[in-house]
Amino acid sequence: IKKNDVIKLAQLLQDYANDKLTKDEYLLKAKQILEEQSLGI
C-alpha cells in the first residue's frame, strides 16, 4: 500500500471521527481507495 493511500485513509478516519462523514460514506470511500490500490491505479 502506498504512503499517500495511508494518508488518505487516515484523513477519512479523521473526518469520520469529526462527524464530517457518515459511517457509510467513510466505508465507501475507504473501499474505493483500497480498490484503486489493488488495481495499481
N, C-alpha and C. Protein backbone atom coordinates (compact mmCIF):
# COMPACT_ATOMS: atom_id res chain seq x y z
N ILE A 1 0.86 -1.19 0.00
CA ILE A 1 0.00 0.00 0.00
C ILE A 1 0.89 1.24 0.00
N LYS A 2 0.51 2.20 -0.83
CA LYS A 2 1.33 3.40 -0.97
C LYS A 2 1.14 4.36 0.21
N LYS A 3 2.19 5.10 0.49
CA LYS A 3 2.16 6.02 1.62
C LYS A 3 1.02 7.03 1.50
N ASN A 4 0.81 7.57 0.29
CA ASN A 4 -0.25 8.58 0.16
C ASN A 4 -1.64 7.97 0.34
N ASP A 5 -1.79 6.66 0.07
CA ASP A 5 -3.07 6.00 0.34
C ASP A 5 -3.31 5.88 1.84
N VAL A 6 -2.25 5.60 2.58
CA VAL A 6 -2.36 5.53 4.04
C VAL A 6 -2.78 6.89 4.58
N ILE A 7 -2.20 7.95 4.03
CA ILE A 7 -2.54 9.31 4.45
C ILE A 7 -4.00 9.61 4.13
N LYS A 8 -4.46 9.22 2.93
CA LYS A 8 -5.86 9.43 2.55
C LYS A 8 -6.80 8.70 3.51
N LEU A 9 -6.46 7.46 3.85
CA LEU A 9 -7.29 6.68 4.76
C LEU A 9 -7.32 7.32 6.15
N ALA A 10 -6.17 7.83 6.59
CA ALA A 10 -6.10 8.50 7.89
C ALA A 10 -6.97 9.76 7.90
N GLN A 11 -6.96 10.51 6.79
CA GLN A 11 -7.79 11.71 6.70
C GLN A 11 -9.27 11.35 6.70
N LEU A 12 -9.62 10.26 6.01
CA LEU A 12 -11.01 9.79 6.02
C LEU A 12 -11.44 9.46 7.44
N LEU A 13 -10.58 8.73 8.15
CA LEU A 13 -10.89 8.35 9.53
C LEU A 13 -11.10 9.58 10.40
N GLN A 14 -10.26 10.59 10.17
CA GLN A 14 -10.36 11.83 10.93
C GLN A 14 -11.69 12.53 10.65
N ASP A 15 -12.07 12.59 9.37
CA ASP A 15 -13.36 13.19 9.00
C ASP A 15 -14.51 12.42 9.63
N TYR A 16 -14.41 11.09 9.62
CA TYR A 16 -15.44 10.25 10.23
C TYR A 16 -15.52 10.52 11.73
N ALA A 17 -14.37 10.60 12.37
CA ALA A 17 -14.32 10.87 13.81
C ALA A 17 -14.90 12.24 14.15
N ASN A 18 -14.73 13.19 13.24
CA ASN A 18 -15.24 14.56 13.45
C ASN A 18 -16.66 14.74 12.92
N ASP A 19 -17.31 13.61 12.58
CA ASP A 19 -18.69 13.63 12.09
C ASP A 19 -18.87 14.39 10.78
N LYS A 20 -17.81 14.48 9.98
CA LYS A 20 -17.95 15.09 8.66
C LYS A 20 -18.43 14.06 7.65
N LEU A 21 -18.23 12.78 7.97
CA LEU A 21 -18.67 11.69 7.10
C LEU A 21 -19.55 10.74 7.91
N THR A 22 -20.54 10.15 7.24
CA THR A 22 -21.29 9.08 7.88
C THR A 22 -20.45 7.80 7.79
N LYS A 23 -20.85 6.80 8.56
CA LYS A 23 -20.13 5.53 8.50
C LYS A 23 -20.15 4.97 7.09
N ASP A 24 -21.30 5.05 6.42
CA ASP A 24 -21.42 4.51 5.07
C ASP A 24 -20.51 5.25 4.09
N GLU A 25 -20.46 6.58 4.20
CA GLU A 25 -19.58 7.37 3.32
C GLU A 25 -18.12 7.00 3.56
N TYR A 26 -17.78 6.87 4.83
CA TYR A 26 -16.41 6.51 5.18
C TYR A 26 -16.03 5.15 4.58
N LEU A 27 -16.91 4.16 4.77
CA LEU A 27 -16.62 2.81 4.27
C LEU A 27 -16.52 2.79 2.75
N LEU A 28 -17.43 3.52 2.09
CA LEU A 28 -17.43 3.58 0.63
C LEU A 28 -16.12 4.18 0.10
N LYS A 29 -15.72 5.30 0.69
CA LYS A 29 -14.51 5.98 0.23
C LYS A 29 -13.26 5.16 0.54
N ALA A 30 -13.24 4.55 1.71
CA ALA A 30 -12.09 3.71 2.08
C ALA A 30 -11.99 2.53 1.11
N LYS A 31 -13.14 1.95 0.76
CA LYS A 31 -13.17 0.82 -0.16
C LYS A 31 -12.65 1.24 -1.54
N GLN A 32 -13.04 2.43 -1.99
CA GLN A 32 -12.57 2.93 -3.29
C GLN A 32 -11.05 3.09 -3.29
N ILE A 33 -10.51 3.67 -2.23
CA ILE A 33 -9.06 3.86 -2.14
C ILE A 33 -8.35 2.51 -2.19
N LEU A 34 -8.87 1.54 -1.44
CA LEU A 34 -8.23 0.23 -1.40
C LEU A 34 -8.37 -0.51 -2.73
N GLU A 35 -9.50 -0.34 -3.41
CA GLU A 35 -9.68 -0.97 -4.71
C GLU A 35 -8.73 -0.38 -5.75
N GLU A 36 -8.59 0.94 -5.74
CA GLU A 36 -7.65 1.59 -6.66
C GLU A 36 -6.23 1.10 -6.39
N GLN A 37 -5.91 0.95 -5.11
CA GLN A 37 -4.59 0.46 -4.71
C GLN A 37 -4.36 -0.93 -5.27
N SER A 38 -5.35 -1.81 -5.14
CA SER A 38 -5.16 -3.19 -5.59
C SER A 38 -5.09 -3.28 -7.12
N LEU A 39 -5.69 -2.31 -7.81
CA LEU A 39 -5.63 -2.29 -9.27
C LEU A 39 -4.37 -1.59 -9.78
N GLY A 40 -3.69 -0.92 -8.85
CA GLY A 40 -2.46 -0.24 -9.22
C GLY A 40 -2.68 1.05 -9.98
N ILE A 41 -3.82 1.68 -9.76
CA ILE A 41 -4.14 2.94 -10.45
C ILE A 41 -3.29 4.06 -9.86
